[in-house]
Structures are given as structure tokens and as C-alpha cells.
Amino acid sequence: MTVAFSASAQKAVPDINVVNAKGESVSILKLIPAGKPVILSFWDTTCKPCIQELSALSDVYDDWMDEMDFEVVAVSTDDARSSSKAMPLAKGRGWPFVMALDKNGDLKRNMNVQSNPTVFILDASGKVVFSHVGYNPGNEQQLYKTLKSLK
């Protein structure tokens, strides 16, 4: 799989409603903590590279948290037919992330996400400073370096 790394033309995350882990419709901005960097990951339950990437992030999450304050917000883009599988899959894998569902694809469209996985890094002010599409093992190290550079 080809992986593209870039700074994003997208300036900030739009104020769009998603479904949180409790099944409530909330603005994605309420799920993104203010004042710290955020990894915003778009994924779906049928995307093996997505699951690999989120699992790799889960594996390093505690170590990274020991070094810096950040959050991971994982946004499932599964549609209404398959979205019921997203939260149980995440829970079953023990992912320690803030989870959201984008059933209608509104956030995905507004963030110009063409395919999964797509990952954005937001700085502490909520601005997009980095993005990449696709996943190869080891790509999480680029995320780590980018997060570290935001300290």
C-alpha cells in the first residue's frame, strides 16, 4: 500500500456531529480535547490496515503518554449497516482511544478523506499540522516524531 505523508491544506476540524461511544450525537469538537495535540484517525471495521494502525498505536499509547500529553480520536466511517460493529471491535481490542462514529460520512467528506486509514495530527490549538493516508508497519514512528515536535 502506498502511504502519503504531508502537511494538510485542511486548516481545522469542522464543527460536525458524530456519534460518541454512548450513542449520543455530539460535535466532533467536543471529543477533541483543547490544549493538547490530537491524532485523528479515520478507520472502518473492514479495513485491515486501519485495524493494524490503531492496534500499533494502542501498543505504544501508554509509553507515548509517559512522554507527552496527547489524545487519539478514532472516527469509524462505517455506514449504518456496519457501524454497530465498530464500538465492539474497538472495545474487544482494548483500544484506549476516544471513539466516534461518522455514519453519514459528513466529517469524512468535510475533512476530504478519500480512503481509510487517513490520519491527521492536530496541534494544541486544533489546527491540522500533518496528515497521511494508508498504513505500513512503522508509520506510527512518523506520528511520534510529529507529536514530539509539537511540545
N, C-alpha and C. Protein backbone atom coordinates (compact mmCIF):
# COMPACT_ATOMS: atom_id res chain seq x y z
N MET A 1 0.84 -1.18 0.00
CA MET A 1 0.00 0.00 0.00
C MET A 1 0.88 1.24 0.00
N THR A 2 0.49 2.21 -0.78
CA THR A 2 1.20 3.47 -0.83
C THR A 2 0.80 4.32 0.36
N VAL A 3 1.75 4.97 0.95
CA VAL A 3 1.48 5.86 2.07
C VAL A 3 1.94 7.24 1.69
N ALA A 4 1.07 8.22 1.87
CA ALA A 4 1.42 9.60 1.58
C ALA A 4 1.49 10.37 2.88
N PHE A 5 2.57 11.11 3.07
CA PHE A 5 2.72 11.97 4.23
C PHE A 5 2.69 13.40 3.73
N SER A 6 2.02 14.27 4.46
CA SER A 6 2.01 15.66 4.04
C SER A 6 1.52 16.56 5.16
N ALA A 7 1.78 17.82 4.99
CA ALA A 7 1.06 18.82 5.78
C ALA A 7 -0.28 18.96 5.08
N SER A 8 -1.30 19.23 5.78
CA SER A 8 -2.63 19.25 5.18
C SER A 8 -3.07 20.64 4.82
N ALA A 9 -3.82 20.73 3.73
CA ALA A 9 -4.41 22.00 3.34
C ALA A 9 -5.60 22.32 4.26
N GLN A 10 -6.13 21.28 4.89
CA GLN A 10 -7.23 21.47 5.84
C GLN A 10 -6.71 22.25 7.04
N LYS A 11 -7.35 23.33 7.39
CA LYS A 11 -6.85 24.18 8.47
C LYS A 11 -7.27 23.71 9.85
N ALA A 12 -8.52 23.30 9.99
CA ALA A 12 -9.04 22.89 11.29
C ALA A 12 -10.18 21.90 11.08
N VAL A 13 -10.53 21.20 12.13
CA VAL A 13 -11.62 20.24 12.08
C VAL A 13 -12.94 21.02 12.10
N PRO A 14 -13.85 20.71 11.17
CA PRO A 14 -15.13 21.42 11.13
C PRO A 14 -16.05 20.98 12.28
N ASP A 15 -16.99 21.83 12.61
CA ASP A 15 -17.96 21.55 13.67
C ASP A 15 -19.09 20.69 13.09
N ILE A 16 -18.88 19.38 13.15
CA ILE A 16 -19.82 18.42 12.58
C ILE A 16 -20.17 17.38 13.63
N ASN A 17 -21.44 16.98 13.66
CA ASN A 17 -21.86 16.00 14.65
C ASN A 17 -21.48 14.59 14.24
N VAL A 18 -21.03 13.83 15.25
CA VAL A 18 -20.73 12.41 15.14
C VAL A 18 -21.44 11.73 16.31
N VAL A 19 -21.37 10.42 16.37
CA VAL A 19 -21.95 9.68 17.48
C VAL A 19 -20.83 9.25 18.41
N ASN A 20 -20.96 9.57 19.70
CA ASN A 20 -19.91 9.19 20.65
C ASN A 20 -20.10 7.75 21.13
N ALA A 21 -19.24 7.29 22.01
CA ALA A 21 -19.27 5.91 22.50
C ALA A 21 -20.55 5.59 23.26
N LYS A 22 -21.24 6.59 23.75
CA LYS A 22 -22.50 6.39 24.47
C LYS A 22 -23.71 6.38 23.54
N GLY A 23 -23.46 6.58 22.24
CA GLY A 23 -24.55 6.60 21.27
C GLY A 23 -25.21 7.96 21.11
N GLU A 24 -24.59 9.00 21.65
CA GLU A 24 -25.15 10.35 21.59
C GLU A 24 -24.55 11.12 20.41
N SER A 25 -25.38 11.95 19.80
CA SER A 25 -24.90 12.82 18.72
C SER A 25 -24.25 14.04 19.36
N VAL A 26 -22.96 14.24 19.06
CA VAL A 26 -22.20 15.36 19.62
C VAL A 26 -21.29 15.94 18.54
N SER A 27 -20.88 17.17 18.74
CA SER A 27 -19.92 17.77 17.83
C SER A 27 -18.57 17.08 17.99
N ILE A 28 -17.90 16.81 16.89
CA ILE A 28 -16.56 16.23 16.96
C ILE A 28 -15.65 17.13 17.79
N LEU A 29 -15.92 18.43 17.79
CA LEU A 29 -15.09 19.37 18.54
C LEU A 29 -15.19 19.13 20.05
N LYS A 30 -16.29 18.54 20.51
CA LYS A 30 -16.42 18.20 21.94
C LYS A 30 -15.58 16.98 22.30
N LEU A 31 -15.24 16.17 21.32
CA LEU A 31 -14.45 14.95 21.55
C LEU A 31 -12.95 15.21 21.43
N ILE A 32 -12.61 16.34 20.82
CA ILE A 32 -11.21 16.70 20.64
C ILE A 32 -10.81 17.61 21.79
N PRO A 33 -9.93 17.14 22.67
CA PRO A 33 -9.57 17.96 23.83
C PRO A 33 -8.78 19.20 23.42
N ALA A 34 -9.11 20.31 24.05
CA ALA A 34 -8.41 21.56 23.78
C ALA A 34 -7.07 21.57 24.51
N GLY A 35 -6.10 22.22 23.91
CA GLY A 35 -4.84 22.45 24.59
C GLY A 35 -3.82 21.33 24.52
N LYS A 36 -4.10 20.28 23.73
CA LYS A 36 -3.09 19.25 23.55
C LYS A 36 -3.19 18.67 22.14
N PRO A 37 -2.09 18.13 21.63
CA PRO A 37 -2.11 17.54 20.30
C PRO A 37 -3.04 16.33 20.25
N VAL A 38 -3.58 16.09 19.06
CA VAL A 38 -4.52 15.00 18.85
C VAL A 38 -4.18 14.27 17.57
N ILE A 39 -4.20 12.94 17.65
CA ILE A 39 -4.16 12.10 16.45
C ILE A 39 -5.62 11.81 16.12
N LEU A 40 -6.08 12.23 14.95
CA LEU A 40 -7.44 12.00 14.49
C LEU A 40 -7.36 10.95 13.39
N SER A 41 -7.86 9.76 13.69
CA SER A 41 -7.72 8.62 12.78
C SER A 41 -9.07 8.20 12.21
N PHE A 42 -9.18 8.17 10.90
CA PHE A 42 -10.38 7.68 10.23
C PHE A 42 -10.16 6.22 9.85
N TRP A 43 -11.12 5.37 10.21
CA TRP A 43 -10.99 3.93 10.01
C TRP A 43 -12.36 3.31 9.78
N ASP A 44 -12.37 2.03 9.41
CA ASP A 44 -13.62 1.28 9.37
C ASP A 44 -13.34 -0.19 9.68
N THR A 45 -14.37 -0.91 10.00
CA THR A 45 -14.22 -2.28 10.51
C THR A 45 -13.75 -3.28 9.46
N THR A 46 -13.88 -2.96 8.18
CA THR A 46 -13.45 -3.89 7.13
C THR A 46 -12.05 -3.56 6.59
N CYS A 47 -11.42 -2.55 7.16
CA CYS A 47 -10.12 -2.07 6.68
C CYS A 47 -9.00 -2.67 7.54
N LYS A 48 -8.34 -3.69 7.00
CA LYS A 48 -7.26 -4.34 7.76
C LYS A 48 -6.12 -3.38 8.10
N PRO A 49 -5.66 -2.53 7.16
CA PRO A 49 -4.61 -1.58 7.53
C PRO A 49 -5.05 -0.62 8.65
N CYS A 50 -6.32 -0.26 8.67
CA CYS A 50 -6.84 0.62 9.74
C CYS A 50 -6.69 -0.06 11.09
N ILE A 51 -7.10 -1.31 11.15
CA ILE A 51 -7.05 -2.06 12.40
C ILE A 51 -5.60 -2.27 12.82
N GLN A 52 -4.71 -2.53 11.85
CA GLN A 52 -3.29 -2.66 12.16
C GLN A 52 -2.74 -1.36 12.74
N GLU A 53 -3.09 -0.23 12.13
CA GLU A 53 -2.57 1.04 12.58
C GLU A 53 -3.07 1.38 13.98
N LEU A 54 -4.36 1.22 14.22
CA LEU A 54 -4.91 1.53 15.54
C LEU A 54 -4.36 0.57 16.60
N SER A 55 -4.14 -0.67 16.24
CA SER A 55 -3.55 -1.62 17.18
C SER A 55 -2.10 -1.24 17.49
N ALA A 56 -1.36 -0.81 16.46
CA ALA A 56 0.03 -0.36 16.68
C ALA A 56 0.05 0.87 17.58
N LEU A 57 -0.88 1.79 17.38
CA LEU A 57 -0.96 2.97 18.24
C LEU A 57 -1.34 2.58 19.66
N SER A 58 -2.23 1.62 19.79
CA SER A 58 -2.61 1.13 21.11
C SER A 58 -1.41 0.54 21.84
N ASP A 59 -0.57 -0.18 21.11
CA ASP A 59 0.62 -0.80 21.70
C ASP A 59 1.60 0.22 22.28
N VAL A 60 1.70 1.39 21.65
CA VAL A 60 2.67 2.41 22.10
C VAL A 60 2.03 3.53 22.91
N TYR A 61 0.72 3.51 23.02
CA TYR A 61 -0.03 4.60 23.64
C TYR A 61 0.47 4.95 25.04
N ASP A 62 0.57 3.96 25.91
CA ASP A 62 0.99 4.24 27.30
C ASP A 62 2.41 4.81 27.36
N ASP A 63 3.33 4.23 26.56
CA ASP A 63 4.70 4.74 26.54
C ASP A 63 4.74 6.19 26.06
N TRP A 64 3.99 6.47 25.01
CA TRP A 64 3.96 7.84 24.49
C TRP A 64 3.34 8.79 25.50
N MET A 65 2.31 8.33 26.20
CA MET A 65 1.64 9.18 27.20
C MET A 65 2.59 9.51 28.36
N ASP A 66 3.54 8.61 28.62
CA ASP A 66 4.54 8.89 29.66
C ASP A 66 5.44 10.06 29.26
N GLU A 67 5.59 10.27 27.95
CA GLU A 67 6.48 11.31 27.44
C GLU A 67 5.79 12.61 27.10
N MET A 68 4.51 12.55 26.74
CA MET A 68 3.82 13.75 26.28
C MET A 68 2.32 13.59 26.48
N ASP A 69 1.64 14.71 26.55
CA ASP A 69 0.19 14.74 26.74
C ASP A 69 -0.47 14.91 25.38
N PHE A 70 -1.21 13.90 24.94
CA PHE A 70 -1.89 13.94 23.65
C PHE A 70 -3.11 13.05 23.75
N GLU A 71 -3.91 13.01 22.70
CA GLU A 71 -5.07 12.12 22.67
C GLU A 71 -5.19 11.53 21.28
N VAL A 72 -5.84 10.37 21.21
CA VAL A 72 -6.18 9.76 19.94
C VAL A 72 -7.70 9.72 19.86
N VAL A 73 -8.23 10.26 18.76
CA VAL A 73 -9.66 10.19 18.50
C VAL A 73 -9.82 9.35 17.23
N ALA A 74 -10.45 8.19 17.38
CA ALA A 74 -10.63 7.27 16.25
C ALA A 74 -12.07 7.39 15.76
N VAL A 75 -12.21 7.77 14.49
CA VAL A 75 -13.53 8.00 13.90
C VAL A 75 -13.84 6.88 12.91
N SER A 76 -14.81 6.06 13.27
CA SER A 76 -15.25 5.00 12.36
C SER A 76 -16.12 5.59 11.27
N THR A 77 -15.82 5.23 10.04
CA THR A 77 -16.62 5.71 8.90
C THR A 77 -17.57 4.62 8.40
N ASP A 78 -17.76 3.59 9.23
CA ASP A 78 -18.72 2.55 8.85
C ASP A 78 -20.10 3.16 8.67
N ASP A 79 -20.82 2.65 7.66
CA ASP A 79 -22.16 3.18 7.41
C ASP A 79 -23.17 2.55 8.38
N ALA A 80 -24.43 2.89 8.21
CA ALA A 80 -25.48 2.45 9.14
C ALA A 80 -25.55 0.93 9.25
N ARG A 81 -25.24 0.22 8.18
CA ARG A 81 -25.32 -1.25 8.21
C ARG A 81 -24.23 -1.87 9.06
N SER A 82 -23.04 -1.30 9.04
CA SER A 82 -21.91 -1.93 9.74
C SER A 82 -21.42 -1.17 10.97
N SER A 83 -21.99 0.01 11.22
CA SER A 83 -21.49 0.83 12.33
C SER A 83 -21.69 0.16 13.69
N SER A 84 -22.65 -0.74 13.80
CA SER A 84 -22.88 -1.42 15.08
C SER A 84 -21.71 -2.33 15.47
N LYS A 85 -20.83 -2.62 14.53
CA LYS A 85 -19.67 -3.48 14.81
C LYS A 85 -18.45 -2.69 15.30
N ALA A 86 -18.44 -1.38 15.07
CA ALA A 86 -17.24 -0.58 15.33
C ALA A 86 -16.88 -0.51 16.81
N MET A 87 -17.81 -0.12 17.64
CA MET A 87 -17.51 0.03 19.07
C MET A 87 -17.13 -1.31 19.72
N PRO A 88 -17.88 -2.40 19.43
CA PRO A 88 -17.47 -3.69 19.99
C PRO A 88 -16.08 -4.14 19.52
N LEU A 89 -15.73 -3.86 18.26
CA LEU A 89 -14.40 -4.22 17.77
C LEU A 89 -13.33 -3.44 18.54
N ALA A 90 -13.54 -2.14 18.70
CA ALA A 90 -12.58 -1.31 19.42
C ALA A 90 -12.44 -1.75 20.87
N LYS A 91 -13.57 -2.04 21.51
CA LYS A 91 -13.54 -2.48 22.90
C LYS A 91 -12.85 -3.84 23.03
N GLY A 92 -13.16 -4.73 22.11
CA GLY A 92 -12.56 -6.07 22.13
C GLY A 92 -11.05 -6.05 21.95
N ARG A 93 -10.57 -5.07 21.22
CA ARG A 93 -9.12 -4.93 21.01
C ARG A 93 -8.46 -4.10 22.11
N GLY A 94 -9.28 -3.55 23.00
CA GLY A 94 -8.73 -2.79 24.13
C GLY A 94 -8.14 -1.45 23.75
N TRP A 95 -8.61 -0.86 22.64
CA TRP A 95 -8.08 0.43 22.22
C TRP A 95 -8.47 1.50 23.23
N PRO A 96 -7.50 2.24 23.76
CA PRO A 96 -7.76 3.23 24.81
C PRO A 96 -8.13 4.61 24.27
N PHE A 97 -8.71 4.68 23.10
CA PHE A 97 -8.92 5.94 22.42
C PHE A 97 -10.34 6.47 22.62
N VAL A 98 -10.51 7.76 22.36
CA VAL A 98 -11.83 8.35 22.24
C VAL A 98 -12.40 7.82 20.92
N MET A 99 -13.59 7.25 20.98
CA MET A 99 -14.18 6.65 19.78
C MET A 99 -15.38 7.47 19.31
N ALA A 100 -15.56 7.52 17.99
CA ALA A 100 -16.71 8.21 17.41
C ALA A 100 -17.13 7.48 16.15
N LEU A 101 -18.40 7.65 15.80
CA LEU A 101 -18.95 7.09 14.56
C LEU A 101 -19.38 8.23 13.64
N ASP A 102 -19.00 8.15 12.38
CA ASP A 102 -19.38 9.12 11.36
C ASP A 102 -20.24 8.38 10.34
N LYS A 103 -21.43 7.92 10.78
CA LYS A 103 -22.28 7.04 9.97
C LYS A 103 -22.67 7.63 8.63
N ASN A 104 -22.93 8.94 8.60
CA ASN A 104 -23.36 9.58 7.36
C ASN A 104 -22.20 10.07 6.51
N GLY A 105 -20.99 9.98 7.04
CA GLY A 105 -19.81 10.40 6.28
C GLY A 105 -19.63 11.91 6.19
N ASP A 106 -20.36 12.66 7.01
CA ASP A 106 -20.26 14.13 6.93
C ASP A 106 -18.87 14.64 7.30
N LEU A 107 -18.32 14.11 8.39
CA LEU A 107 -16.99 14.54 8.80
C LEU A 107 -15.94 14.09 7.78
N LYS A 108 -16.08 12.86 7.33
CA LYS A 108 -15.15 12.31 6.33
C LYS A 108 -15.13 13.20 5.08
N ARG A 109 -16.30 13.56 4.59
CA ARG A 109 -16.37 14.43 3.40
C ARG A 109 -15.75 15.80 3.67
N ASN A 110 -16.10 16.40 4.81
CA ASN A 110 -15.60 17.73 5.13
C ASN A 110 -14.10 17.77 5.38
N MET A 111 -13.53 16.65 5.81
CA MET A 111 -12.08 16.57 6.02
C MET A 111 -11.37 16.08 4.75
N ASN A 112 -12.14 15.86 3.69
CA ASN A 112 -11.61 15.41 2.41
C ASN A 112 -10.86 14.09 2.53
N VAL A 113 -11.43 13.17 3.31
CA VAL A 113 -10.85 11.84 3.46
C VAL A 113 -11.34 11.00 2.29
N GLN A 114 -10.40 10.52 1.48
CA GLN A 114 -10.72 9.75 0.29
C GLN A 114 -10.72 8.25 0.55
N SER A 115 -9.85 7.82 1.47
CA SER A 115 -9.76 6.39 1.79
C SER A 115 -9.25 6.21 3.21
N ASN A 116 -9.52 5.04 3.74
CA ASN A 116 -9.06 4.70 5.09
C ASN A 116 -7.88 3.75 5.00
N PRO A 117 -6.96 3.81 5.95
CA PRO A 117 -6.91 4.79 7.02
C PRO A 117 -6.35 6.13 6.54
N THR A 118 -6.91 7.17 7.11
CA THR A 118 -6.36 8.53 6.96
C THR A 118 -6.19 9.08 8.37
N VAL A 119 -5.02 9.63 8.63
CA VAL A 119 -4.71 10.15 9.96
C VAL A 119 -4.28 11.61 9.84
N PHE A 120 -4.81 12.41 10.75
CA PHE A 120 -4.42 13.82 10.88
C PHE A 120 -3.80 14.00 12.25
N ILE A 121 -2.85 14.91 12.35
CA ILE A 121 -2.37 15.35 13.66
C ILE A 121 -2.76 16.81 13.79
N LEU A 122 -3.42 17.10 14.92
CA LEU A 122 -3.82 18.46 15.23
C LEU A 122 -2.89 18.99 16.31
N ASP A 123 -2.50 20.24 16.19
CA ASP A 123 -1.68 20.83 17.25
C ASP A 123 -2.58 21.22 18.42
N ALA A 124 -2.02 21.79 19.46
CA ALA A 124 -2.77 22.11 20.68
C ALA A 124 -3.88 23.13 20.44
N SER A 125 -3.78 23.89 19.36
CA SER A 125 -4.84 24.86 19.06
C SER A 125 -5.91 24.27 18.13
N GLY A 126 -5.74 23.00 17.74
CA GLY A 126 -6.74 22.34 16.90
C GLY A 126 -6.50 22.44 15.41
N LYS A 127 -5.37 23.00 15.02
CA LYS A 127 -5.05 23.13 13.60
C LYS A 127 -4.38 21.85 13.09
N VAL A 128 -4.74 21.47 11.87
CA VAL A 128 -4.12 20.30 11.25
C VAL A 128 -2.69 20.65 10.85
N VAL A 129 -1.73 19.87 11.34
CA VAL A 129 -0.32 20.13 11.03
C VAL A 129 0.31 18.99 10.24
N PHE A 130 -0.40 17.86 10.13
CA PHE A 130 0.17 16.69 9.46
C PHE A 130 -0.96 15.77 9.07
N SER A 131 -0.79 15.06 7.95
CA SER A 131 -1.74 14.01 7.59
C SER A 131 -1.03 12.93 6.79
N HIS A 132 -1.59 11.74 6.84
CA HIS A 132 -1.12 10.68 5.95
C HIS A 132 -2.26 9.73 5.64
N VAL A 133 -2.12 9.07 4.49
CA VAL A 133 -3.11 8.12 4.01
C VAL A 133 -2.43 6.78 3.88
N GLY A 134 -3.11 5.73 4.33
CA GLY A 134 -2.57 4.39 4.24
C GLY A 134 -1.78 4.03 5.49
N TYR A 135 -1.36 2.78 5.53
CA TYR A 135 -0.57 2.34 6.68
C TYR A 135 0.40 1.24 6.26
N ASN A 136 1.62 1.39 6.71
CA ASN A 136 2.63 0.35 6.66
C ASN A 136 3.20 0.24 8.07
N PRO A 137 3.53 -0.98 8.53
CA PRO A 137 4.11 -1.11 9.87
C PRO A 137 5.29 -0.15 10.04
N GLY A 138 5.30 0.54 11.16
CA GLY A 138 6.35 1.50 11.43
C GLY A 138 5.93 2.94 11.18
N ASN A 139 4.82 3.16 10.44
CA ASN A 139 4.36 4.53 10.17
C ASN A 139 4.07 5.30 11.45
N GLU A 140 3.77 4.59 12.53
CA GLU A 140 3.47 5.28 13.78
C GLU A 140 4.67 6.08 14.29
N GLN A 141 5.87 5.72 13.85
CA GLN A 141 7.06 6.48 14.27
C GLN A 141 7.04 7.90 13.71
N GLN A 142 6.48 8.08 12.51
CA GLN A 142 6.33 9.44 11.96
C GLN A 142 5.33 10.23 12.80
N LEU A 143 4.28 9.56 13.26
CA LEU A 143 3.31 10.23 14.13
C LEU A 143 3.99 10.66 15.43
N TYR A 144 4.80 9.76 15.98
CA TYR A 144 5.53 10.06 17.21
C TYR A 144 6.42 11.28 17.04
N LYS A 145 7.20 11.30 15.95
CA LYS A 145 8.11 12.42 15.70
C LYS A 145 7.34 13.73 15.55
N THR A 146 6.20 13.66 14.88
CA THR A 146 5.40 14.87 14.69
C THR A 146 4.83 15.35 16.02
N LEU A 147 4.32 14.43 16.82
CA LEU A 147 3.81 14.81 18.15
C LEU A 147 4.90 15.43 19.00
N LYS A 148 6.08 14.80 19.01
CA LYS A 148 7.20 15.31 19.79
C LYS A 148 7.60 16.73 19.35
N SER A 149 7.49 16.99 18.07
CA SER A 149 7.87 18.32 17.56
C SER A 149 6.90 19.41 18.00
N LEU A 150 5.74 19.01 18.49
CA LEU A 150 4.72 19.99 18.90
C LEU A 150 4.86 20.41 20.36
N LYS A 151 5.82 19.81 21.08
CA LYS A 151 6.00 20.14 22.50
C LYS A 151 6.44 21.56 22.69
